[in-house]
Amino acid sequence: MVQVKAIKAFSDNYIWCLTTEHNNQAWVVDPGQSAPVTEHLAQYNLTLGGILITHHHYDHTDGVAQLVKQYPNVEVYGPSNSPFKGITEPLNEDQTITVLGTSFNIITTPGHTLDHICYVNDALAFTGDTLFSGGCGRLFEGSPEQMWHSFNKLRALPSDCKVYCTHEYTQANLAFAKAVEPRNPELLAYSEQVEKLRKDDEISLPSTIGQELKINPFMRSNLPNITESLPKEYCLVTKNNEPWENFASLRKFKDNF
């Protein structure tokens, strides 16, 4: 199994670095900056073996060109429908790739952007800006219905599958989650745990699918009472009790939180 380390970038991004014990090769996920990656590779005497892209936003792709310049034979994997032009290995739903001996399935997860994909197996999920701990990405391009369909793919993963998203947004997400579910005991306990981690400047990730199903309101949009604490102006007026409608109400509330 690959090992995963966080490379910090910008103010709150993580570039995930995948390695194994018996190989000096490293793969990186969503390198928005090149310098932190090259510094990490030099520090641990690693060489770049490949790049995985989840979607086209600059803070996930801007480091690619420089890394490819430094490592000319490196392949760049990413969504086949991406407007980002640096992808050399386009990927579609249900394709499988092998990274350092570990297989990942490709799932398309439109919502945050239309080109978003996640790299998943039963143990690891690199979710980009689709699923955060306690939250989800803002819907810049897709619809709430699309995003809920994307979330259902992630909800189906094993409960102990580790979730590696790309931002340290957990504290802010949990503040919102507590406004949605102020009496959720798992959420309150998790929030205390994260507060302690961040106070010591420690990373709050990875989470797990099981954890998110307990504390993330967006993952819990299938619960009929999940919007009961929301201000009425954020709830959809045509209520058919569809999970995606709950999702839409939650996202509207979060956008104005």
C-alpha atoms as a PDB file:
ATOM      1  CA  MET A   1       0.000   0.000   0.000  1.00  0.00           C
ATOM      2  CA  VAL A   2       1.212   3.489  -0.786  1.00  0.00           C
ATOM      3  CA  GLN A   3       2.077   5.945   1.963  1.00  0.00           C
ATOM      4  CA  VAL A   4       0.572   9.426   1.823  1.00  0.00           C
ATOM      5  CA  LYS A   5       2.149  12.635   3.089  1.00  0.00           C
ATOM      6  CA  ALA A   6       0.881  16.204   2.919  1.00  0.00           C
ATOM      7  CA  ILE A   7       2.895  18.920   1.196  1.00  0.00           C
ATOM      8  CA  LYS A   8       1.587  22.313   2.260  1.00  0.00           C
ATOM      9  CA  ALA A   9       0.911  24.880  -0.472  1.00  0.00           C
ATOM     10  CA  PHE A  10      -0.587  28.376  -0.579  1.00  0.00           C
ATOM     11  CA  SER A  11      -2.269  29.194   2.743  1.00  0.00           C
ATOM     12  CA  ASP A  12      -4.488  26.149   3.179  1.00  0.00           C
ATOM     13  CA  ASN A  13      -3.857  23.668   0.323  1.00  0.00           C
ATOM     14  CA  TYR A  14      -2.443  20.182   0.597  1.00  0.00           C
ATOM     15  CA  ILE A  15      -0.610  18.535  -2.267  1.00  0.00           C
ATOM     16  CA  TRP A  16      -0.722  14.827  -1.479  1.00  0.00           C
ATOM     17  CA  CYS A  17       2.503  12.907  -2.071  1.00  0.00           C
ATOM     18  CA  LEU A  18       2.308   9.137  -2.602  1.00  0.00           C
ATOM     19  CA  THR A  19       5.359   6.957  -2.001  1.00  0.00           C
ATOM     20  CA  THR A  20       6.300   3.386  -1.070  1.00  0.00           C
ATOM     21  CA  GLU A  21       9.045   2.059   1.190  1.00  0.00           C
ATOM     22  CA  HIS A  22      10.907   0.221  -1.558  1.00  0.00           C
ATOM     23  CA  ASN A  23      10.881   2.856  -4.274  1.00  0.00           C
ATOM     24  CA  ASN A  24      12.317   6.365  -4.511  1.00  0.00           C
ATOM     25  CA  GLN A  25       9.507   7.440  -6.832  1.00  0.00           C
ATOM     26  CA  ALA A  26       6.758   9.804  -5.723  1.00  0.00           C
ATOM     27  CA  TRP A  27       3.424  10.772  -7.262  1.00  0.00           C
ATOM     28  CA  VAL A  28       1.635  13.984  -6.356  1.00  0.00           C
ATOM     29  CA  VAL A  29      -2.032  14.954  -6.378  1.00  0.00           C
ATOM     30  CA  ASP A  30      -3.132  18.456  -7.437  1.00  0.00           C
ATOM     31  CA  PRO A  31       0.157  20.394  -7.400  1.00  0.00           C
ATOM     32  CA  GLY A  32      -1.044  23.984  -7.379  1.00  0.00           C
ATOM     33  CA  GLN A  33       2.542  25.091  -6.749  1.00  0.00           C
ATOM     34  CA  SER A  34       5.762  23.465  -7.952  1.00  0.00           C
ATOM     35  CA  ALA A  35       8.270  24.774  -5.382  1.00  0.00           C
ATOM     36  CA  PRO A  36       6.852  22.920  -2.343  1.00  0.00           C
ATOM     37  CA  VAL A  37       6.902  19.695  -4.380  1.00  0.00           C
ATOM     38  CA  THR A  38      10.486  20.037  -5.569  1.00  0.00           C
ATOM     39  CA  GLU A  39      11.605  20.932  -2.041  1.00  0.00           C
ATOM     40  CA  HIS A  40       9.841  17.861  -0.644  1.00  0.00           C
ATOM     41  CA  LEU A  41      11.335  15.601  -3.315  1.00  0.00           C
ATOM     42  CA  ALA A  42      14.831  16.920  -2.611  1.00  0.00           C
ATOM     43  CA  GLN A  43      14.427  16.584   1.149  1.00  0.00           C
ATOM     44  CA  TYR A  44      13.465  12.906   0.913  1.00  0.00           C
ATOM     45  CA  ASN A  45      15.660  12.022  -2.092  1.00  0.00           C
ATOM     46  CA  LEU A  46      12.667  11.237  -4.296  1.00  0.00           C
ATOM     47  CA  THR A  47      12.019  11.546  -8.005  1.00  0.00           C
ATOM     48  CA  LEU A  48       8.671  12.491  -9.517  1.00  0.00           C
ATOM     49  CA  GLY A  49       6.885   9.533 -11.099  1.00  0.00           C
ATOM     50  CA  GLY A  50       3.520  11.017 -12.007  1.00  0.00           C
ATOM     51  CA  ILE A  51       0.902  13.704 -11.389  1.00  0.00           C
ATOM     52  CA  LEU A  52      -2.790  13.222 -10.625  1.00  0.00           C
ATOM     53  CA  ILE A  53      -5.230  16.102 -11.260  1.00  0.00           C
ATOM     54  CA  THR A  54      -8.798  16.170  -9.908  1.00  0.00           C
ATOM     55  CA  HIS A  55     -10.027  19.321 -11.684  1.00  0.00           C
ATOM     56  CA  HIS A  56      -8.869  22.383 -13.556  1.00  0.00           C
ATOM     57  CA  HIS A  57      -8.746  25.129 -10.898  1.00  0.00           C
ATOM     58  CA  TYR A  58      -5.437  26.989 -10.713  1.00  0.00           C
ATOM     59  CA  ASP A  59      -4.692  26.050  -7.110  1.00  0.00           C
ATOM     60  CA  HIS A  60      -4.665  22.410  -8.222  1.00  0.00           C
ATOM     61  CA  THR A  61      -2.820  22.772 -11.532  1.00  0.00           C
ATOM     62  CA  ASP A  62      -0.513  25.813 -11.619  1.00  0.00           C
ATOM     63  CA  GLY A  63       2.560  23.815 -10.561  1.00  0.00           C
ATOM     64  CA  VAL A  64       2.211  21.248 -13.329  1.00  0.00           C
ATOM     65  CA  ALA A  65       4.066  23.060 -16.114  1.00  0.00           C
ATOM     66  CA  GLN A  66       7.186  23.662 -14.029  1.00  0.00           C
ATOM     67  CA  LEU A  67       7.199  20.102 -12.682  1.00  0.00           C
ATOM     68  CA  VAL A  68       6.920  18.681 -16.204  1.00  0.00           C
ATOM     69  CA  LYS A  69       9.766  20.960 -17.253  1.00  0.00           C
ATOM     70  CA  GLN A  70      11.924  19.565 -14.454  1.00  0.00           C
ATOM     71  CA  TYR A  71      10.771  15.968 -15.049  1.00  0.00           C
ATOM     72  CA  PRO A  72      10.132  15.803 -18.823  1.00  0.00           C
ATOM     73  CA  ASN A  73       8.910  12.186 -18.926  1.00  0.00           C
ATOM     74  CA  VAL A  74       6.276  12.587 -16.238  1.00  0.00           C
ATOM     75  CA  GLU A  75       2.708  11.747 -17.232  1.00  0.00           C
ATOM     76  CA  VAL A  76      -0.133  13.973 -16.036  1.00  0.00           C
ATOM     77  CA  TYR A  77      -3.385  12.135 -15.352  1.00  0.00           C
ATOM     78  CA  GLY A  78      -6.645  14.051 -15.181  1.00  0.00           C
ATOM     79  CA  PRO A  79     -10.257  14.329 -16.368  1.00  0.00           C
ATOM     80  CA  SER A  80     -10.821  13.817 -20.084  1.00  0.00           C
ATOM     81  CA  ASN A  81     -13.224  16.779 -20.273  1.00  0.00           C
ATOM     82  CA  SER A  82     -10.972  19.232 -18.448  1.00  0.00           C
ATOM     83  CA  PRO A  83     -10.254  22.715 -19.799  1.00  0.00           C
ATOM     84  CA  PHE A  84      -6.776  22.340 -18.278  1.00  0.00           C
ATOM     85  CA  LYS A  85      -4.473  21.642 -21.230  1.00  0.00           C
ATOM     86  CA  GLY A  86      -1.599  19.986 -19.354  1.00  0.00           C
ATOM     87  CA  ILE A  87      -3.169  16.530 -19.066  1.00  0.00           C
ATOM     88  CA  THR A  88      -1.358  13.817 -21.030  1.00  0.00           C
ATOM     89  CA  GLU A  89      -3.408  10.829 -19.790  1.00  0.00           C
ATOM     90  CA  PRO A  90      -7.136  11.688 -19.957  1.00  0.00           C
ATOM     91  CA  LEU A  91      -9.379   9.667 -17.658  1.00  0.00           C
ATOM     92  CA  ASN A  92     -13.056   8.712 -17.694  1.00  0.00           C
ATOM     93  CA  GLU A  93     -15.548   7.093 -15.325  1.00  0.00           C
ATOM     94  CA  ASP A  94     -14.650   3.557 -14.182  1.00  0.00           C
ATOM     95  CA  GLN A  95     -11.166   3.557 -15.636  1.00  0.00           C
ATOM     96  CA  THR A  96      -8.481   2.085 -13.394  1.00  0.00           C
ATOM     97  CA  ILE A  97      -4.937   3.358 -13.014  1.00  0.00           C
ATOM     98  CA  THR A  98      -2.018   1.897 -11.073  1.00  0.00           C
ATOM     99  CA  VAL A  99       0.121   4.153  -8.908  1.00  0.00           C
ATOM    100  CA  LEU A 100       3.194   2.582  -7.305  1.00  0.00           C
ATOM    101  CA  GLY A 101       1.559  -0.840  -7.404  1.00  0.00           C
ATOM    102  CA  THR A 102      -1.793   0.361  -6.012  1.00  0.00           C
ATOM    103  CA  SER A 103      -4.922   0.488  -8.165  1.00  0.00           C
ATOM    104  CA  PHE A 104      -7.295   3.443  -8.130  1.00  0.00           C
ATOM    105  CA  ASN A 105     -10.714   3.601  -9.730  1.00  0.00           C
ATOM    106  CA  ILE A 106     -11.766   6.814 -11.433  1.00  0.00           C
ATOM    107  CA  ILE A 107     -15.168   8.232 -10.520  1.00  0.00           C
ATOM    108  CA  THR A 108     -16.555  11.355 -12.136  1.00  0.00           C
ATOM    109  CA  THR A 109     -17.871  13.791  -9.513  1.00  0.00           C
ATOM    110  CA  PRO A 110     -19.266  16.893 -11.243  1.00  0.00           C
ATOM    111  CA  GLY A 111     -20.630  19.678  -9.064  1.00  0.00           C
ATOM    112  CA  HIS A 112     -17.770  21.859  -7.858  1.00  0.00           C
ATOM    113  CA  THR A 113     -16.626  21.828 -11.487  1.00  0.00           C
ATOM    114  CA  LEU A 114     -17.954  19.829 -14.413  1.00  0.00           C
ATOM    115  CA  ASP A 115     -14.605  18.113 -14.993  1.00  0.00           C
ATOM    116  CA  HIS A 116     -14.030  16.930 -11.408  1.00  0.00           C
ATOM    117  CA  ILE A 117     -12.888  13.342 -10.822  1.00  0.00           C
ATOM    118  CA  CYS A 118     -11.794  11.456  -7.711  1.00  0.00           C
ATOM    119  CA  TYR A 119      -9.197   8.697  -7.387  1.00  0.00           C
ATOM    120  CA  VAL A 120     -10.532   5.986  -5.087  1.00  0.00           C
ATOM    121  CA  ASN A 121     -10.112   2.451  -3.830  1.00  0.00           C
ATOM    122  CA  ASP A 122     -11.403   0.702  -0.729  1.00  0.00           C
ATOM    123  CA  ALA A 123      -8.680   2.261   1.437  1.00  0.00           C
ATOM    124  CA  LEU A 124      -7.978   5.710  -0.007  1.00  0.00           C
ATOM    125  CA  ALA A 125     -10.007   8.474  -1.660  1.00  0.00           C
ATOM    126  CA  PHE A 126      -8.439  11.591  -3.142  1.00  0.00           C
ATOM    127  CA  THR A 127     -11.483  13.823  -3.345  1.00  0.00           C
ATOM    128  CA  GLY A 128     -10.054  17.172  -4.449  1.00  0.00           C
ATOM    129  CA  ASP A 129     -12.686  19.845  -3.820  1.00  0.00           C
ATOM    130  CA  THR A 130     -15.715  17.546  -3.990  1.00  0.00           C
ATOM    131  CA  LEU A 131     -15.771  16.200  -0.432  1.00  0.00           C
ATOM    132  CA  PHE A 132     -14.124  18.055   2.444  1.00  0.00           C
ATOM    133  CA  SER A 133     -14.087  17.003   6.052  1.00  0.00           C
ATOM    134  CA  GLY A 134     -17.355  18.433   7.337  1.00  0.00           C
ATOM    135  CA  GLY A 135     -18.197  20.090   4.031  1.00  0.00           C
ATOM    136  CA  CYS A 136     -18.092  20.137   0.252  1.00  0.00           C
ATOM    137  CA  GLY A 137     -16.830  22.358  -2.527  1.00  0.00           C
ATOM    138  CA  ARG A 138     -18.831  25.357  -3.668  1.00  0.00           C
ATOM    139  CA  LEU A 139     -20.890  24.649  -6.783  1.00  0.00           C
ATOM    140  CA  PHE A 140     -19.135  26.794  -9.361  1.00  0.00           C
ATOM    141  CA  GLU A 141     -20.261  24.850 -12.428  1.00  0.00           C
ATOM    142  CA  GLY A 142     -22.562  21.956 -11.531  1.00  0.00           C
ATOM    143  CA  SER A 143     -25.990  21.639  -9.955  1.00  0.00           C
ATOM    144  CA  PRO A 144     -26.965  20.395  -6.474  1.00  0.00           C
ATOM    145  CA  GLU A 145     -28.539  17.342  -8.091  1.00  0.00           C
ATOM    146  CA  GLN A 146     -25.283  16.550  -9.888  1.00  0.00           C
ATOM    147  CA  MET A 147     -23.274  17.024  -6.715  1.00  0.00           C
ATOM    148  CA  TRP A 148     -25.551  14.773  -4.671  1.00  0.00           C
ATOM    149  CA  HIS A 149     -25.196  12.081  -7.339  1.00  0.00           C
ATOM    150  CA  SER A 150     -21.415  12.523  -7.048  1.00  0.00           C
ATOM    151  CA  PHE A 151     -21.646  12.274  -3.261  1.00  0.00           C
ATOM    152  CA  ASN A 152     -23.546   8.999  -3.527  1.00  0.00           C
ATOM    153  CA  LYS A 153     -20.523   7.466  -5.257  1.00  0.00           C
ATOM    154  CA  LEU A 154     -18.358   8.487  -2.319  1.00  0.00           C
ATOM    155  CA  ARG A 155     -20.955   7.456   0.261  1.00  0.00           C
ATOM    156  CA  ALA A 156     -20.781   3.920  -1.163  1.00  0.00           C
ATOM    157  CA  LEU A 157     -17.088   3.537  -0.280  1.00  0.00           C
ATOM    158  CA  PRO A 158     -16.107   1.488   2.807  1.00  0.00           C
ATOM    159  CA  SER A 159     -16.520   3.334   6.100  1.00  0.00           C
ATOM    160  CA  ASP A 160     -12.802   3.074   6.924  1.00  0.00           C
ATOM    161  CA  CYS A 161     -11.734   4.478   3.549  1.00  0.00           C
ATOM    162  CA  LYS A 162      -9.487   7.475   4.246  1.00  0.00           C
ATOM    163  CA  VAL A 163     -10.542  10.789   2.717  1.00  0.00           C
ATOM    164  CA  TYR A 164      -7.765  13.044   1.438  1.00  0.00           C
ATOM    165  CA  CYS A 165      -9.263  16.349   0.320  1.00  0.00           C
ATOM    166  CA  THR A 166      -7.165  19.286  -0.790  1.00  0.00           C
ATOM    167  CA  HIS A 167      -7.867  22.058   1.733  1.00  0.00           C
ATOM    168  CA  GLU A 168      -7.587  22.662   5.466  1.00  0.00           C
ATOM    169  CA  TYR A 169     -11.153  23.888   5.754  1.00  0.00           C
ATOM    170  CA  THR A 170     -12.212  21.524   8.530  1.00  0.00           C
ATOM    171  CA  GLN A 171     -12.668  24.013  11.378  1.00  0.00           C
ATOM    172  CA  ALA A 172     -14.816  26.381   9.319  1.00  0.00           C
ATOM    173  CA  ASN A 173     -16.798  23.464   7.923  1.00  0.00           C
ATOM    174  CA  LEU A 174     -17.504  22.111  11.395  1.00  0.00           C
ATOM    175  CA  ALA A 175     -18.697  25.510  12.611  1.00  0.00           C
ATOM    176  CA  PHE A 176     -21.264  25.361   9.825  1.00  0.00           C
ATOM    177  CA  ALA A 177     -22.078  21.711  10.540  1.00  0.00           C
ATOM    178  CA  LYS A 178     -22.811  22.566  14.182  1.00  0.00           C
ATOM    179  CA  ALA A 179     -25.253  25.260  13.036  1.00  0.00           C
ATOM    180  CA  VAL A 180     -27.043  22.567  11.032  1.00  0.00           C
ATOM    181  CA  GLU A 181     -26.923  19.827  13.670  1.00  0.00           C
ATOM    182  CA  PRO A 182     -26.255  21.506  17.034  1.00  0.00           C
ATOM    183  CA  ARG A 183     -27.118  18.344  18.992  1.00  0.00           C
ATOM    184  CA  ASN A 184     -25.107  15.809  16.979  1.00  0.00           C
ATOM    185  CA  PRO A 185     -22.838  14.179  19.619  1.00  0.00           C
ATOM    186  CA  GLU A 186     -20.373  12.711  17.086  1.00  0.00           C
ATOM    187  CA  LEU A 187     -20.044  16.127  15.459  1.00  0.00           C
ATOM    188  CA  LEU A 188     -19.425  17.906  18.768  1.00  0.00           C
ATOM    189  CA  ALA A 189     -16.779  15.376  19.784  1.00  0.00           C
ATOM    190  CA  TYR A 190     -15.073  15.548  16.383  1.00  0.00           C
ATOM    191  CA  SER A 191     -15.073  19.338  16.495  1.00  0.00           C
ATOM    192  CA  GLU A 192     -13.242  19.266  19.847  1.00  0.00           C
ATOM    193  CA  GLN A 193     -10.685  16.857  18.405  1.00  0.00           C
ATOM    194  CA  VAL A 194     -10.062  19.070  15.376  1.00  0.00           C
ATOM    195  CA  GLU A 195      -9.780  22.206  17.538  1.00  0.00           C
ATOM    196  CA  LYS A 196      -6.966  20.552  19.506  1.00  0.00           C
ATOM    197  CA  LEU A 197      -5.168  19.466  16.345  1.00  0.00           C
ATOM    198  CA  ARG A 198      -5.324  22.901  14.758  1.00  0.00           C
ATOM    199  CA  LYS A 199      -4.296  24.630  17.983  1.00  0.00           C
ATOM    200  CA  ASP A 200      -1.060  22.629  17.719  1.00  0.00           C
ATOM    201  CA  ASP A 201      -0.832  23.441  13.986  1.00  0.00           C
ATOM    202  CA  GLU A 202      -1.409  19.784  13.118  1.00  0.00           C
ATOM    203  CA  ILE A 203      -3.256  18.667  10.016  1.00  0.00           C
ATOM    204  CA  SER A 204      -6.897  17.642  10.468  1.00  0.00           C
ATOM    205  CA  LEU A 205      -6.785  15.111   7.625  1.00  0.00           C
ATOM    206  CA  PRO A 206      -7.352  12.448   6.514  1.00  0.00           C
ATOM    207  CA  SER A 207     -10.907  11.875   7.587  1.00  0.00           C
ATOM    208  CA  THR A 208     -12.821   8.691   6.735  1.00  0.00           C
ATOM    209  CA  ILE A 209     -16.026   8.011   4.865  1.00  0.00           C
ATOM    210  CA  GLY A 210     -17.558   6.643   8.066  1.00  0.00           C
ATOM    211  CA  GLN A 211     -16.636   9.790   9.961  1.00  0.00           C
ATOM    212  CA  GLU A 212     -18.117  12.017   7.283  1.00  0.00           C
ATOM    213  CA  LEU A 213     -21.359  10.047   7.277  1.00  0.00           C
ATOM    214  CA  LYS A 214     -21.659  10.876  10.980  1.00  0.00           C
ATOM    215  CA  ILE A 215     -20.681  14.565  10.975  1.00  0.00           C
ATOM    216  CA  ASN A 216     -20.869  16.068   7.472  1.00  0.00           C
ATOM    217  CA  PRO A 217     -24.321  17.579   6.798  1.00  0.00           C
ATOM    218  CA  PHE A 218     -23.853  17.296   3.041  1.00  0.00           C
ATOM    219  CA  MET A 219     -23.163  13.571   3.344  1.00  0.00           C
ATOM    220  CA  ARG A 220     -26.299  13.368   5.501  1.00  0.00           C
ATOM    221  CA  SER A 221     -28.621  15.079   3.020  1.00  0.00           C
ATOM    222  CA  ASN A 222     -30.657  11.879   2.825  1.00  0.00           C
ATOM    223  CA  LEU A 223     -31.915  12.486   6.384  1.00  0.00           C
ATOM    224  CA  PRO A 224     -35.389  14.073   6.180  1.00  0.00           C
ATOM    225  CA  ASN A 225     -34.780  16.379   9.175  1.00  0.00           C
ATOM    226  CA  ILE A 226     -31.300  17.554   8.189  1.00  0.00           C
ATOM    227  CA  THR A 227     -32.563  21.054   7.276  1.00  0.00           C
ATOM    228  CA  GLU A 228     -34.771  21.628  10.325  1.00  0.00           C
ATOM    229  CA  SER A 229     -32.328  24.117  11.906  1.00  0.00           C
ATOM    230  CA  LEU A 230     -31.780  26.109   8.711  1.00  0.00           C
ATOM    231  CA  PRO A 231     -33.171  29.628   8.358  1.00  0.00           C
ATOM    232  CA  LYS A 232     -36.289  29.341   6.222  1.00  0.00           C
ATOM    233  CA  GLU A 233     -34.947  31.621   3.503  1.00  0.00           C
ATOM    234  CA  TYR A 234     -32.380  28.960   2.595  1.00  0.00           C
ATOM    235  CA  CYS A 235     -34.820  26.060   2.280  1.00  0.00           C
ATOM    236  CA  LEU A 236     -36.265  25.158  -1.095  1.00  0.00           C
ATOM    237  CA  VAL A 237     -39.900  26.187  -1.353  1.00  0.00           C
ATOM    238  CA  THR A 238     -40.885  23.221  -3.552  1.00  0.00           C
ATOM    239  CA  LYS A 239     -40.150  20.410  -1.141  1.00  0.00           C
ATOM    240  CA  ASN A 240     -40.381  16.872  -2.502  1.00  0.00           C
ATOM    241  CA  ASN A 241     -38.184  15.425   0.252  1.00  0.00           C
ATOM    242  CA  GLU A 242     -35.486  14.564  -2.252  1.00  0.00           C
ATOM    243  CA  PRO A 243     -31.948  14.340  -0.779  1.00  0.00           C
ATOM    244  CA  TRP A 244     -30.572  16.606  -3.492  1.00  0.00           C
ATOM    245  CA  GLU A 245     -33.058  19.291  -2.452  1.00  0.00           C
ATOM    246  CA  ASN A 246     -31.756  19.076   1.116  1.00  0.00           C
ATOM    247  CA  PHE A 247     -28.269  19.288  -0.346  1.00  0.00           C
ATOM    248  CA  ALA A 248     -29.232  22.417  -2.286  1.00  0.00           C
ATOM    249  CA  SER A 249     -30.649  24.067   0.842  1.00  0.00           C
ATOM    250  CA  LEU A 250     -27.530  23.213   2.850  1.00  0.00           C
ATOM    251  CA  ARG A 251     -25.247  24.548   0.128  1.00  0.00           C
ATOM    252  CA  LYS A 252     -27.218  27.807  -0.100  1.00  0.00           C
ATOM    253  CA  PHE A 253     -26.956  28.219   3.666  1.00  0.00           C
ATOM    254  CA  LYS A 254     -23.217  27.480   3.600  1.00  0.00           C
ATOM    255  CA  ASP A 255     -22.670  30.001   0.790  1.00  0.00           C
ATOM    256  CA  ASN A 256     -24.147  32.675   3.078  1.00  0.00           C
ATOM    257  CA  PHE A 257     -22.849  31.386   6.411  1.00  0.00           C
END
